[in-house]
Protein backbone atom coordinates (compact mmCIF):
# COMPACT_ATOMS: atom_id res chain seq x y z
CA UNK A 1 0.00 0.00 0.00
CA UNK A 2 1.31 3.44 -0.89
CA UNK A 3 2.02 5.90 1.91
CA UNK A 4 1.95 9.68 1.67
CA UNK A 5 3.55 11.89 4.29
CA UNK A 6 2.14 15.38 4.70
CA UNK A 7 4.66 17.63 6.42
CA UNK A 8 2.89 20.77 7.56
CA UNK A 9 -0.76 20.84 8.58
CA UNK A 10 -1.59 24.53 8.52
CA UNK A 11 -4.37 25.97 6.36
CA UNK A 12 -2.97 24.77 3.03
CA UNK A 13 -1.81 21.45 4.47
CA UNK A 14 -5.23 20.68 5.92
CA UNK A 15 -6.89 21.89 2.70
CA UNK A 16 -4.81 19.40 0.75
CA UNK A 17 -5.51 16.62 3.24
CA UNK A 18 -9.26 17.17 3.07
CA UNK A 19 -9.13 17.35 -0.72
CA UNK A 20 -7.21 14.10 -1.06
CA UNK A 21 -9.63 12.26 1.20
CA UNK A 22 -12.61 13.71 -0.69
CA UNK A 23 -10.98 12.50 -3.92
CA UNK A 24 -10.96 8.96 -2.57
CA UNK A 25 -7.53 8.59 -1.03
CA UNK A 26 -7.57 6.21 1.92
CA UNK A 27 -6.91 7.85 5.29
CA UNK A 28 -4.83 4.82 6.27
CA UNK A 29 -2.38 5.74 3.50
CA UNK A 30 -1.75 9.30 4.73
CA UNK A 31 0.32 10.36 7.72
CA UNK A 32 0.68 13.95 8.87
CA UNK A 33 3.39 15.59 10.92
CA UNK A 34 2.84 18.34 13.48
CA UNK A 35 4.77 19.19 16.64
CA UNK A 36 1.61 20.24 18.49
CA UNK A 37 -0.12 17.38 20.29
CA UNK A 38 -3.50 19.16 20.26
CA UNK A 39 -3.28 19.60 16.50
CA UNK A 40 -2.42 15.94 15.97
CA UNK A 41 -5.43 14.84 18.00
CA UNK A 42 -7.62 17.26 16.04
CA UNK A 43 -6.51 15.88 12.66
CA UNK A 44 -6.77 12.26 13.75
CA UNK A 45 -10.28 12.81 15.06
CA UNK A 46 -11.49 14.83 12.10
CA UNK A 47 -9.95 12.83 9.24
CA UNK A 48 -9.00 9.44 10.64
CA UNK A 49 -5.37 9.75 9.55
CA UNK A 50 -2.29 8.84 11.51
CA UNK A 51 -0.02 11.65 12.69
CA UNK A 52 3.51 11.91 14.00
CA UNK A 53 5.22 14.51 16.14
CA UNK A 54 8.40 14.46 14.07
CA UNK A 55 8.68 14.79 10.31
CA UNK A 56 11.42 12.16 10.22
CA UNK A 57 8.99 9.56 11.58
CA UNK A 58 6.25 10.59 9.15
CA UNK A 59 8.41 10.17 6.05
CA UNK A 60 9.72 6.72 7.01
CA UNK A 61 8.33 4.27 4.45
CA UNK A 62 6.50 6.95 2.46
CA UNK A 63 6.69 6.87 -1.33
CA UNK A 64 5.41 10.45 -1.57
CA UNK A 65 6.37 13.30 0.76
CA UNK A 66 4.46 16.60 0.52
CA UNK A 67 6.11 19.64 2.09
CA UNK A 68 3.69 22.40 3.09
CA UNK A 69 5.83 24.44 5.47
CA UNK A 70 7.02 28.03 5.57
CA UNK A 71 9.95 28.68 3.21
CA UNK A 72 12.16 29.79 6.09
CA UNK A 73 11.66 26.41 7.78
CA UNK A 74 12.85 24.33 4.83
CA UNK A 75 16.57 24.53 5.62
CA UNK A 76 16.05 22.97 9.05
CA UNK A 77 13.49 20.44 7.80
CA UNK A 78 15.53 18.84 5.02
CA UNK A 79 18.26 17.33 7.23
CA UNK A 80 15.54 15.97 9.51
CA UNK A 81 13.78 14.02 6.77
CA UNK A 82 16.77 13.15 4.56
CA UNK A 83 17.98 10.25 6.67
CA UNK A 84 14.57 8.53 6.73
CA UNK A 85 13.57 9.21 3.13
CA UNK A 86 12.91 5.97 1.26
CA UNK A 87 14.90 5.41 -1.95
CA UNK A 88 12.90 6.72 -4.90
CA UNK A 89 10.42 8.63 -2.76
CA UNK A 90 9.03 11.70 -4.52
CA UNK A 91 9.22 15.01 -2.67
CA UNK A 92 6.46 17.44 -3.67
CA UNK A 93 7.11 20.93 -2.35
CA UNK A 94 4.48 23.63 -1.92
CA UNK A 95 7.03 25.93 -0.26
CA UNK A 96 6.85 29.27 -2.04
CA UNK A 97 10.06 30.50 -3.62
CA UNK A 98 12.11 27.41 -2.78
CA UNK A 99 13.69 26.02 -5.95
CA UNK A 100 14.04 22.35 -6.80
CA UNK A 101 17.80 22.83 -6.74
CA UNK A 102 17.70 24.10 -3.16
CA UNK A 103 15.61 21.10 -2.15
CA UNK A 104 17.82 18.62 -4.01
CA UNK A 105 20.92 20.01 -2.30
CA UNK A 106 19.46 19.06 1.09
CA UNK A 107 18.15 15.61 0.12
CA UNK A 108 19.82 12.30 -0.83
CA UNK A 109 21.37 12.20 -4.30
CA UNK A 110 18.96 11.69 -7.20
CA UNK A 111 15.84 12.34 -5.10
CA UNK A 112 12.97 13.23 -7.44
CA UNK A 113 11.62 16.66 -6.48
CA UNK A 114 8.56 18.45 -7.85
CA UNK A 115 7.89 22.12 -7.12
CA UNK A 116 4.32 23.39 -6.87
CA UNK A 117 2.88 26.90 -6.65
CA UNK A 118 -0.72 26.63 -5.35
CA UNK A 119 -3.15 29.38 -4.43
CA UNK A 120 -5.76 29.91 -1.74
CA UNK A 121 -8.92 29.08 -3.76
CA UNK A 122 -7.83 25.49 -3.13
CA UNK A 123 -9.76 25.95 0.12
CA UNK A 124 -12.97 25.75 -1.91
CA UNK A 125 -11.61 23.15 -4.39
CA UNK A 126 -11.04 25.80 -7.04
CA UNK A 127 -7.29 26.21 -6.74
CA UNK A 128 -4.85 26.76 -9.58
CA UNK A 129 -1.45 25.12 -9.24
CA UNK A 130 1.63 25.16 -11.44
CA UNK A 131 3.85 22.07 -11.24
CA UNK A 132 7.53 21.89 -12.23
CA UNK A 133 9.97 18.99 -12.33
CA UNK A 134 13.36 18.97 -10.67
CA UNK A 135 16.46 17.42 -12.20
CA UNK A 136 15.54 13.83 -11.25
CA UNK A 137 11.73 13.90 -11.47
CA UNK A 138 10.14 11.72 -14.14
CA UNK A 139 6.91 12.15 -16.09
CA UNK A 140 5.31 9.73 -13.63
CA UNK A 141 6.45 11.90 -10.72
CA UNK A 142 4.96 14.97 -12.38
CA UNK A 143 1.71 13.12 -12.98
CA UNK A 144 1.58 12.18 -9.31
CA UNK A 145 1.99 15.82 -8.28
CA UNK A 146 -0.70 16.91 -10.74
CA UNK A 147 -3.08 14.28 -9.32
CA UNK A 148 -2.42 15.59 -5.81
CA UNK A 149 -3.16 19.19 -6.74
CA UNK A 150 -6.21 18.31 -8.82
CA UNK A 151 -7.80 17.09 -5.60
CA UNK A 152 -8.23 20.78 -4.73
CA UNK A 153 -8.66 22.39 -8.14
CA UNK A 154 -6.69 22.42 -11.37
CA UNK A 155 -3.01 22.00 -12.16
CA UNK A 156 -0.73 22.59 -15.12
CA UNK A 157 2.87 21.57 -15.78
CA UNK A 158 5.29 24.42 -16.51
CA UNK A 159 9.07 24.74 -16.79
CA UNK A 160 10.54 25.86 -13.48
CA UNK A 161 11.84 29.09 -15.04
CA UNK A 162 8.19 30.22 -15.18
CA UNK A 163 7.54 29.73 -11.47
CA UNK A 164 8.35 33.32 -10.44
CA UNK A 165 5.86 34.61 -13.01
CA UNK A 166 3.31 32.01 -11.85
CA UNK A 167 3.80 33.13 -8.26
CA UNK A 168 3.14 36.74 -9.25
CA UNK A 169 0.12 35.91 -11.40
CA UNK A 170 -1.87 33.09 -9.81
CA UNK A 171 -0.13 32.62 -6.46
CA UNK A 172 -0.65 36.27 -5.48
CA UNK A 173 -3.58 36.72 -7.87
CA UNK A 174 -6.39 36.18 -5.36
CA UNK A 175 -5.12 39.16 -3.36
CA UNK A 176 -5.42 41.42 -6.41
CA UNK A 177 -9.02 40.36 -6.95
CA UNK A 178 -9.88 40.80 -3.27
CA UNK A 179 -8.32 44.27 -3.49
CA UNK A 180 -10.64 45.15 -6.38
CA UNK A 181 -13.64 43.68 -4.56
CA UNK A 182 -12.79 45.71 -1.46
CA UNK A 183 -12.58 48.90 -3.55
CA UNK A 184 -15.91 48.17 -5.27
CA UNK A 185 -17.67 47.49 -1.98
CA UNK A 186 -16.31 50.72 -0.50
CA UNK A 187 -17.40 52.57 -3.62
CA UNK A 188 -20.93 51.21 -3.19
CA UNK A 189 -20.98 52.42 0.39
CA UNK A 190 -19.73 55.79 -0.82
CA UNK A 191 -22.67 55.91 -3.22
CA UNK A 192 -25.09 55.42 -0.33
CA UNK A 193 -25.64 51.66 -0.28
CA UNK A 194 -25.67 49.81 3.04
CA UNK A 195 -22.45 47.78 3.35
CA UNK A 196 -24.23 44.42 3.42
CA UNK A 197 -26.09 45.20 0.21
CA UNK A 198 -22.95 46.52 -1.48
CA UNK A 199 -21.06 43.39 -0.41
CA UNK A 200 -23.76 41.06 -1.73
CA UNK A 201 -23.90 42.88 -5.06
CA UNK A 202 -20.13 42.91 -5.58
CA UNK A 203 -19.45 39.37 -4.39
CA UNK A 204 -22.05 37.81 -6.67
CA UNK A 205 -21.01 40.03 -9.57
CA UNK A 206 -17.41 38.89 -9.19
CA UNK A 207 -18.40 35.23 -8.83
CA UNK A 208 -20.82 35.30 -11.76
CA UNK A 209 -18.35 37.15 -13.98
CA UNK A 210 -15.60 34.62 -13.27
CA UNK A 211 -17.97 31.75 -14.00
CA UNK A 212 -19.07 33.39 -17.26
CA UNK A 213 -15.45 33.93 -18.27
CA UNK A 214 -14.53 30.30 -17.68
CA UNK A 215 -17.66 28.61 -19.00
CA UNK A 216 -18.20 30.80 -22.06
CA UNK A 217 -14.53 30.45 -23.13
CA UNK A 218 -14.82 33.91 -24.65
CA UNK A 219 -11.96 36.38 -24.61
CA UNK A 220 -12.28 38.85 -21.71
CA UNK A 221 -12.15 41.76 -24.17
CA UNK A 222 -15.25 40.44 -25.91
CA UNK A 223 -17.08 39.97 -22.62
CA UNK A 224 -16.12 43.48 -21.54
CA UNK A 225 -17.39 44.93 -24.82
CA UNK A 226 -20.71 43.11 -24.33
CA UNK A 227 -21.26 45.13 -21.14
CA UNK A 228 -20.03 48.41 -22.57
CA UNK A 229 -22.70 50.35 -24.45
CA UNK A 230 -21.53 53.37 -26.48
CA UNK A 231 -21.53 56.50 -24.33
CA UNK A 232 -23.06 54.51 -21.47
CA UNK A 233 -22.29 54.18 -17.77
CA UNK A 234 -19.73 51.38 -18.19
CA UNK A 235 -17.91 53.34 -20.91
CA UNK A 236 -17.69 56.33 -18.58
CA UNK A 237 -16.22 54.19 -15.81
CA UNK A 238 -13.70 52.45 -18.08
CA UNK A 239 -12.58 55.76 -19.55
CA UNK A 240 -11.91 56.97 -16.02
CA UNK A 241 -9.78 53.86 -15.30
CA UNK A 242 -7.86 54.23 -18.57
CA UNK A 243 -7.09 57.88 -17.88
CA UNK A 244 -5.52 56.81 -14.59
CA UNK A 245 -3.49 53.99 -16.20
CA UNK A 246 -5.06 51.32 -14.00
CA UNK A 247 -4.17 48.51 -16.43
CA UNK A 248 -0.55 49.65 -16.57
CA UNK A 249 -0.48 49.85 -12.76
CA UNK A 250 -1.73 46.26 -12.49
CA UNK A 251 0.91 45.07 -14.94
CA UNK A 252 3.64 46.90 -13.03
CA UNK A 253 2.39 45.46 -9.74
CA UNK A 254 2.54 41.90 -11.07
CA UNK A 255 6.05 42.54 -12.38
CA UNK A 256 7.03 43.75 -8.90
CA UNK A 257 5.65 40.54 -7.40
CA UNK A 258 7.67 38.53 -9.94
CA UNK A 259 10.83 40.46 -9.02
CA UNK A 260 10.25 39.81 -5.32
CA UNK A 261 9.75 36.09 -5.99
CA UNK A 262 13.10 36.02 -7.80
CA UNK A 263 14.76 37.76 -4.84
CA UNK A 264 13.35 35.21 -2.40
CA UNK A 265 14.54 32.35 -4.62
CA UNK A 266 18.10 33.67 -4.47
CA UNK A 267 18.30 33.57 -0.69
CA UNK A 268 21.05 31.45 0.83
């Protein structure tokens, strides 16, 4: 029977655990690691999985190891798990900004490593993840990582050189949309709407627009033009945004996020 070790049981770790179980993975084949006894009891009671206090014990005998820890904790974690890592075990990392090379340097020689950039909509099974192979990862290893991430949304395979751009676009992307939603809700309140009504209007508008974009498979420009009547209210609003270079500001912001991701990836 295959065994998957989940190292890190915070929000994203638990999201992944719940998604895997919902997708039909057997709880007896998953073991989590968490130093907090109360958290281990909580996970065991809620999901029926086994847990360990130490990551080294969790990875023993596992053919897949999923790392969902803070990037700054990776350097200390790798020596802990390296000694107990089974030959051929695949390490799937969801640690933002940590390259496959950095992971490979801290693991036994020829360990297959797959790097993943997820995002927070995974919490509602609508995540978007980009998956990249390390030097020793095979097509089968990549497929395994894709299967894992598709338990909480969608996943695509990309060359690792794209990961900084992916981080800036989809990894940080939900924050940009929430920022726009926040501004729209505040604008509604400024126009005299009660906040609960403004929130309901904006939230459903954002949700419905995203669903229309995905399901219609139409280009966003076409969908925007369908809403924009000549000399109408939407045209007036869009002209205002264009005059203030909002599109250019968004593009510059995403480039700044990409640059920061590159900086974090160069850390010692």
